[in-house]
Amino acid sequence: MLVGGFYLPLLLFLGGQDPLQPGVSVLRLDYLLEFLADPWNLRVLGFSLEQAFWSAVLSILLGLPGAWLLTRYDFPGRAALQRFAYLPFLLPSILVVLAMVLFFGNQGWVNQALMSLFGLKEPPVQFLYSLNGILLGHVFYNFPLAMRLIGDQWERISAKYSLAARMLGHSPLYNFLLVTLPLILPSILGAFTLIFLLCLNSFAIILVLGGGVRHTTIEVLIYQLARIDLDFSGAAVLSLLQSGLAIFTLLLLLKQHRKQRPIRQQSLPRLWLPDQLRLRRPEAWLGLAWLVAALTFGVGPLLAIVFDSLRQADAFTWDAYQVLFAERENNRFFSALWNSFRIGLTSALLASLLGAGLLIWLERVPLRLRAGLEGLILLPMAFSTVVFGVAWFHLNQSWLAGSVSLFWIAAALHAILGCPYWLRLVLPTWRAIPAQWHTESKILCIPRLRFWRIVLWPWLRPTLLLAFGFAFALSLGELNSILMIADETVRTLPLEIYSALSGYRFHQASAVGVILLAMSVGLFLLVERTALLRE
């Protein structure tokens, strides 16, 4: 199903015929050459790479001090800060757009605070709908991921390196530049490559915060050509280029991952940050300053969504929620809520079943073929969901229109997108099963079904629950692919937020956003907590 559901629509799209022009191939060499000869198209390609590069650089620069803080100190809320790393995967991108508008927009919290503080009549911060706004949204989204990836490697550095540098009289700066930095450089490059790939495939943030054609990227142009202009040839050319860039970046990421050699885990003990603050350690105060700034930047925009949903005309009210839950004609909220829940649940179940089948199949494949097949199965993680959605839109228009419910198409889409993440979470736990368990079960003549029930299931259950919740949360927040295929019969909560934002109904968008945020984060925390308790 994964191979057929992911690769087949892409191949049918790139090698098939235009549904609006029977007999004409979608992907044509002359169109490709003509497209590449257009300076504007080349500028779109260049801007796509530029914004992804600077987004990754800035995310690393902001995440690096956080990685140092997590490695060096222990403090209240440290575990919650580490969970921030899941932000790019759990927080719907359309919510990031809404958060940026409410916090940094012309009437946002930052401008209101500055205007009140300095008595200004015009908002001083007006960079949101530009490259700066795109970078801001991407850094907000990805710096926790950089912090976690670099911090995990940093924590594994043996304490003997720092102790040796101190005994030789080297300064902390010397120790960092010549000892620590070379050891964490592979993780920095790996985090940079991953964030570059995520930003290259970014869609909703650029679609709304780009501010017009000047900041169009490949993702946005593919959507415009396929969904609005119905220019499948142009969309196919761009999809081919985007897929090539994604595969190339993924290969770089895998190469960096192989370079990350294991490091001894006898690291320096973490210091208690409150004690270091009382001792007036300068580095502790710098760490606290970063923590305050990062929490303001990371939590402030999310709080802005909550407060905006409760505020109208400088007064707190539940009106936005009452409008959502009111029984009236043309109220699409209940339909969107139900669709999001049932699509998410169905796709998580399908992803789990599909992942379990692939997991068992992979273990039976000869070892020499396993790495290549595993790469093919995990490749959808690197591909653009817009390209994937366009391929399914083309498949629906050409082959499935009217014969398959859009609900099942959406559920299958999300299951195929979520399955690689499910596998990535479960594979390490599966491969950590002690080999002697299988041997001992055969010696004791334990039936296979009983062995699964009393041995393997308790071992795998926490990870399976976590992977299921992760797939569910991914589906709840998915906008890119669903935007390509959905119509009025399959509305979801992310689509409702996008529609409200497009109509400048910010209070309604905030109310829906709070509900979606509570569902996504609450579901993941519940599953994670349940898994840890059972573990």
Foldseek 3Di string as FASTA:
>chain_A
DLCCLFVVLLCCLLAHCQLVDPPHGLADPVVLVVQVVDVLSVVQAVLLLVLLLLLLVLLLVLLVLLLVPLQAADEPCSVVLLVLLCQLQQAFLLLLLLLCCQDQNFPHPVQVVVCVVPVDPGRPRHCCQASVVLSLSLSLRHSSNSNNQLNVQLLQAAAVLVVVCVVVPHDPVCSCPPPVCVLSVLSSQLSSLVSSLVSSLDDNSCVPSNNDSSNRHLLPVLCCVCQPVVSSSVNSSSQVVQLVVLVVSVVVNVVSVVVNDGGHNNHDDHHHLVVVVVVVDVVSVVSVVSVVVSCCSNVVSLVSLVQLLQDDPRDGHNVLVCVQPPDDPPNCNVVQAVLLQVLLLLLLVLLLVVLVVVLVVLVPDDPVCNVVVLCVLLSLQSHRLLSSLSSVLSCCSNPVPPPDDVSVVLSSSLNSSLNSVLNVQQVVLVVPPDPVLVVVCVVVVPDPVVCCVPPVCLSRVLSNLLSSLSSSSSSLSDDNNCVSHDDSNRHHLSNVLVVCVVVVVSNNSSVSSVVSSCSSVVSNVVSNVVSVVSD
